[in-house]
Amino acid sequence: MEITIYIPEAVGQQLQKKWDNLSQKTLEALAIQAYRDGVMTSAEIQTLLNLSSRGETNEFLKLHQVYTEEDLAKDVKNIEQLDNYKNISETQLGFGEFIQKFRQEHNLAQEGIESEELLKEVRDLSSGREVIW
């Protein structure tokens, strides 16, 4: 399907200066919004944009700050792993030590997640309240 859009000449020239391939950028913007709205899947985005792999598709979506199915799966896995540690109390293991141990056991270092970041995120999520494990 071919779609034609009309934009003022001055706007078109301004966009063309910023983006060499205005048609491709327009198609990408359409794909991003369609994915965000749930109109298209990542597989459909891959086909629409002629991307070579699912990894390339996920990179495209991440580049445009779109939360992917892969991101969701990782977050769910991490939450489930945190739930498994609820039985560990701070009296058994200091909170900082717990974060270090959790980070090591779940290879978060390989994903570039530092202990301080994880600790800050847990504290932010608890809104300053004491987290009960």
C-alpha atoms as a PDB file:
ATOM      1  CA  MET A   1       0.000   0.000   0.000  1.00  0.00           C
ATOM      2  CA  GLU A   2       1.236   3.432  -0.811  1.00  0.00           C
ATOM      3  CA  ILE A   3       0.258   6.431   1.295  1.00  0.00           C
ATOM      4  CA  THR A   4       0.841  10.060   0.395  1.00  0.00           C
ATOM      5  CA  ILE A   5       0.946  12.801   2.992  1.00  0.00           C
ATOM      6  CA  TYR A   6       1.125  16.515   2.393  1.00  0.00           C
ATOM      7  CA  ILE A   7       3.208  18.793   4.576  1.00  0.00           C
ATOM      8  CA  PRO A   8       4.110  22.442   4.094  1.00  0.00           C
ATOM      9  CA  GLU A   9       7.219  22.925   1.959  1.00  0.00           C
ATOM     10  CA  ALA A  10       9.123  24.749   4.708  1.00  0.00           C
ATOM     11  CA  VAL A  11       8.448  21.945   7.183  1.00  0.00           C
ATOM     12  CA  GLY A  12       9.451  19.339   4.611  1.00  0.00           C
ATOM     13  CA  GLN A  13      12.731  21.121   3.930  1.00  0.00           C
ATOM     14  CA  GLN A  14      13.458  21.450   7.641  1.00  0.00           C
ATOM     15  CA  LEU A  15      12.830  17.732   8.197  1.00  0.00           C
ATOM     16  CA  GLN A  16      14.850  16.795   5.121  1.00  0.00           C
ATOM     17  CA  LYS A  17      17.849  18.707   6.508  1.00  0.00           C
ATOM     18  CA  LYS A  18      17.650  16.691   9.727  1.00  0.00           C
ATOM     19  CA  TRP A  19      16.841  13.322   8.153  1.00  0.00           C
ATOM     20  CA  ASP A  20      18.236  12.322   4.792  1.00  0.00           C
ATOM     21  CA  ASN A  21      15.536   9.726   4.174  1.00  0.00           C
ATOM     22  CA  LEU A  22      12.305  11.394   5.240  1.00  0.00           C
ATOM     23  CA  SER A  23      10.156   8.558   3.880  1.00  0.00           C
ATOM     24  CA  GLN A  24      12.004   5.993   6.007  1.00  0.00           C
ATOM     25  CA  LYS A  25      11.781   8.184   9.119  1.00  0.00           C
ATOM     26  CA  THR A  26       8.043   8.590   8.559  1.00  0.00           C
ATOM     27  CA  LEU A  27       7.626   4.829   8.202  1.00  0.00           C
ATOM     28  CA  GLU A  28       9.656   4.264  11.386  1.00  0.00           C
ATOM     29  CA  ALA A  29       7.532   6.790  13.297  1.00  0.00           C
ATOM     30  CA  LEU A  30       4.393   4.999  12.115  1.00  0.00           C
ATOM     31  CA  ALA A  31       5.851   1.651  13.214  1.00  0.00           C
ATOM     32  CA  ILE A  32       6.807   2.965  16.660  1.00  0.00           C
ATOM     33  CA  GLN A  33       3.368   4.426  17.314  1.00  0.00           C
ATOM     34  CA  ALA A  34       1.606   1.324  15.993  1.00  0.00           C
ATOM     35  CA  TYR A  35       3.664  -0.851  18.351  1.00  0.00           C
ATOM     36  CA  ARG A  36       3.000   1.438  21.331  1.00  0.00           C
ATOM     37  CA  ASP A  37      -0.736   1.396  20.575  1.00  0.00           C
ATOM     38  CA  GLY A  38      -0.756  -2.399  20.292  1.00  0.00           C
ATOM     39  CA  VAL A  39      -1.733  -2.273  16.631  1.00  0.00           C
ATOM     40  CA  MET A  40       1.397  -4.120  15.490  1.00  0.00           C
ATOM     41  CA  THR A  41       3.599  -6.823  17.002  1.00  0.00           C
ATOM     42  CA  SER A  42       7.384  -6.773  16.970  1.00  0.00           C
ATOM     43  CA  ALA A  43       7.299  -9.429  14.210  1.00  0.00           C
ATOM     44  CA  GLU A  44       5.127  -7.135  12.097  1.00  0.00           C
ATOM     45  CA  ILE A  45       7.488  -4.223  12.795  1.00  0.00           C
ATOM     46  CA  GLN A  46      10.379  -6.407  11.623  1.00  0.00           C
ATOM     47  CA  THR A  47       8.557  -7.123   8.362  1.00  0.00           C
ATOM     48  CA  LEU A  48       7.393  -3.528   7.836  1.00  0.00           C
ATOM     49  CA  LEU A  49      10.876  -2.087   8.309  1.00  0.00           C
ATOM     50  CA  ASN A  50      12.658  -4.988   6.598  1.00  0.00           C
ATOM     51  CA  LEU A  51      14.804  -5.667   9.663  1.00  0.00           C
ATOM     52  CA  SER A  52      16.968  -8.785   9.505  1.00  0.00           C
ATOM     53  CA  SER A  53      16.300 -10.313  12.928  1.00  0.00           C
ATOM     54  CA  ARG A  54      14.294 -10.144  16.118  1.00  0.00           C
ATOM     55  CA  GLY A  55      17.399  -8.767  17.842  1.00  0.00           C
ATOM     56  CA  GLU A  56      17.642  -5.935  15.326  1.00  0.00           C
ATOM     57  CA  THR A  57      13.937  -5.237  15.842  1.00  0.00           C
ATOM     58  CA  ASN A  58      14.368  -5.095  19.624  1.00  0.00           C
ATOM     59  CA  GLU A  59      17.364  -2.774  19.206  1.00  0.00           C
ATOM     60  CA  PHE A  60      15.268  -0.496  16.974  1.00  0.00           C
ATOM     61  CA  LEU A  61      12.496  -0.390  19.579  1.00  0.00           C
ATOM     62  CA  LYS A  62      14.940   0.237  22.434  1.00  0.00           C
ATOM     63  CA  LEU A  63      16.632   3.002  20.462  1.00  0.00           C
ATOM     64  CA  HIS A  64      13.252   4.712  20.322  1.00  0.00           C
ATOM     65  CA  GLN A  65      12.572   4.049  24.016  1.00  0.00           C
ATOM     66  CA  VAL A  66       9.820   1.527  23.403  1.00  0.00           C
ATOM     67  CA  TYR A  67       9.300  -1.091  26.117  1.00  0.00           C
ATOM     68  CA  THR A  68       9.638  -4.462  24.372  1.00  0.00           C
ATOM     69  CA  GLU A  69       8.250  -7.917  25.122  1.00  0.00           C
ATOM     70  CA  GLU A  70      11.836  -8.931  25.912  1.00  0.00           C
ATOM     71  CA  ASP A  71      12.065  -6.117  28.491  1.00  0.00           C
ATOM     72  CA  LEU A  72       8.822  -7.311  30.063  1.00  0.00           C
ATOM     73  CA  ALA A  73      10.060 -10.909  30.231  1.00  0.00           C
ATOM     74  CA  LYS A  74      13.281  -9.788  31.958  1.00  0.00           C
ATOM     75  CA  ASP A  75      11.367  -7.631  34.435  1.00  0.00           C
ATOM     76  CA  VAL A  76       8.962 -10.463  35.261  1.00  0.00           C
ATOM     77  CA  LYS A  77      11.891 -12.852  35.762  1.00  0.00           C
ATOM     78  CA  ASN A  78      13.654 -10.376  38.065  1.00  0.00           C
ATOM     79  CA  ILE A  79      10.488  -9.789  40.094  1.00  0.00           C
ATOM     80  CA  GLU A  80       9.956 -13.529  40.465  1.00  0.00           C
ATOM     81  CA  GLN A  81      13.547 -13.913  41.625  1.00  0.00           C
ATOM     82  CA  LEU A  82      13.101 -11.126  44.158  1.00  0.00           C
ATOM     83  CA  ASP A  83       9.947 -12.837  45.420  1.00  0.00           C
ATOM     84  CA  ASN A  84      11.993 -15.990  46.019  1.00  0.00           C
ATOM     85  CA  TYR A  85      14.201 -14.018  48.417  1.00  0.00           C
ATOM     86  CA  LYS A  86      11.406 -12.696  50.617  1.00  0.00           C
ATOM     87  CA  ASN A  87      12.283 -15.238  53.294  1.00  0.00           C
ATOM     88  CA  ILE A  88      15.717 -13.706  53.830  1.00  0.00           C
ATOM     89  CA  SER A  89      15.502 -11.118  56.566  1.00  0.00           C
ATOM     90  CA  GLU A  90      17.826  -8.218  57.127  1.00  0.00           C
ATOM     91  CA  THR A  91      18.787  -9.777  60.438  1.00  0.00           C
ATOM     92  CA  GLN A  92      20.140 -12.813  58.607  1.00  0.00           C
ATOM     93  CA  LEU A  93      21.929 -10.779  55.994  1.00  0.00           C
ATOM     94  CA  GLY A  94      22.558  -7.034  55.852  1.00  0.00           C
ATOM     95  CA  PHE A  95      20.537  -5.314  53.133  1.00  0.00           C
ATOM     96  CA  GLY A  96      23.630  -4.230  51.212  1.00  0.00           C
ATOM     97  CA  GLU A  97      25.044  -7.750  51.439  1.00  0.00           C
ATOM     98  CA  PHE A  98      21.720  -9.136  50.251  1.00  0.00           C
ATOM     99  CA  ILE A  99      21.783  -6.883  47.191  1.00  0.00           C
ATOM    100  CA  GLN A 100      25.382  -7.922  46.426  1.00  0.00           C
ATOM    101  CA  LYS A 101      24.519 -11.619  46.768  1.00  0.00           C
ATOM    102  CA  PHE A 102      21.377 -11.274  44.649  1.00  0.00           C
ATOM    103  CA  ARG A 103      23.314  -9.412  41.953  1.00  0.00           C
ATOM    104  CA  GLN A 104      26.007 -12.108  41.821  1.00  0.00           C
ATOM    105  CA  GLU A 105      23.625 -15.066  41.860  1.00  0.00           C
ATOM    106  CA  HIS A 106      21.524 -13.708  39.038  1.00  0.00           C
ATOM    107  CA  ASN A 107      24.338 -12.479  36.806  1.00  0.00           C
ATOM    108  CA  LEU A 108      23.116  -8.897  36.949  1.00  0.00           C
ATOM    109  CA  ALA A 109      26.721  -7.755  36.633  1.00  0.00           C
ATOM    110  CA  GLN A 110      26.773  -9.179  33.106  1.00  0.00           C
ATOM    111  CA  GLU A 111      23.757  -7.041  32.270  1.00  0.00           C
ATOM    112  CA  GLY A 112      25.521  -3.966  33.644  1.00  0.00           C
ATOM    113  CA  ILE A 113      23.302  -3.602  36.693  1.00  0.00           C
ATOM    114  CA  GLU A 114      25.365  -2.303  39.588  1.00  0.00           C
ATOM    115  CA  SER A 115      24.555  -2.982  43.242  1.00  0.00           C
ATOM    116  CA  GLU A 116      24.074   0.717  43.903  1.00  0.00           C
ATOM    117  CA  GLU A 117      21.542   0.994  41.058  1.00  0.00           C
ATOM    118  CA  LEU A 118      19.609  -2.025  42.304  1.00  0.00           C
ATOM    119  CA  LEU A 119      19.664  -0.739  45.879  1.00  0.00           C
ATOM    120  CA  LYS A 120      18.476   2.717  44.770  1.00  0.00           C
ATOM    121  CA  GLU A 121      15.685   1.195  42.685  1.00  0.00           C
ATOM    122  CA  VAL A 122      14.480  -0.952  45.598  1.00  0.00           C
ATOM    123  CA  ARG A 123      14.557   2.083  47.892  1.00  0.00           C
ATOM    124  CA  ASP A 124      12.732   4.201  45.299  1.00  0.00           C
ATOM    125  CA  LEU A 125      10.081   1.519  44.893  1.00  0.00           C
ATOM    126  CA  SER A 126       9.540   1.394  48.624  1.00  0.00           C
ATOM    127  CA  SER A 127       9.204   5.211  48.692  1.00  0.00           C
ATOM    128  CA  GLY A 128      11.574   5.485  51.605  1.00  0.00           C
ATOM    129  CA  ARG A 129       9.712   2.877  53.666  1.00  0.00           C
ATOM    130  CA  GLU A 130      11.567  -0.024  55.205  1.00  0.00           C
ATOM    131  CA  VAL A 131      11.450  -3.018  52.871  1.00  0.00           C
ATOM    132  CA  ILE A 132      10.377  -6.198  54.639  1.00  0.00           C
ATOM    133  CA  TRP A 133      11.882  -9.319  53.151  1.00  0.00           C
END
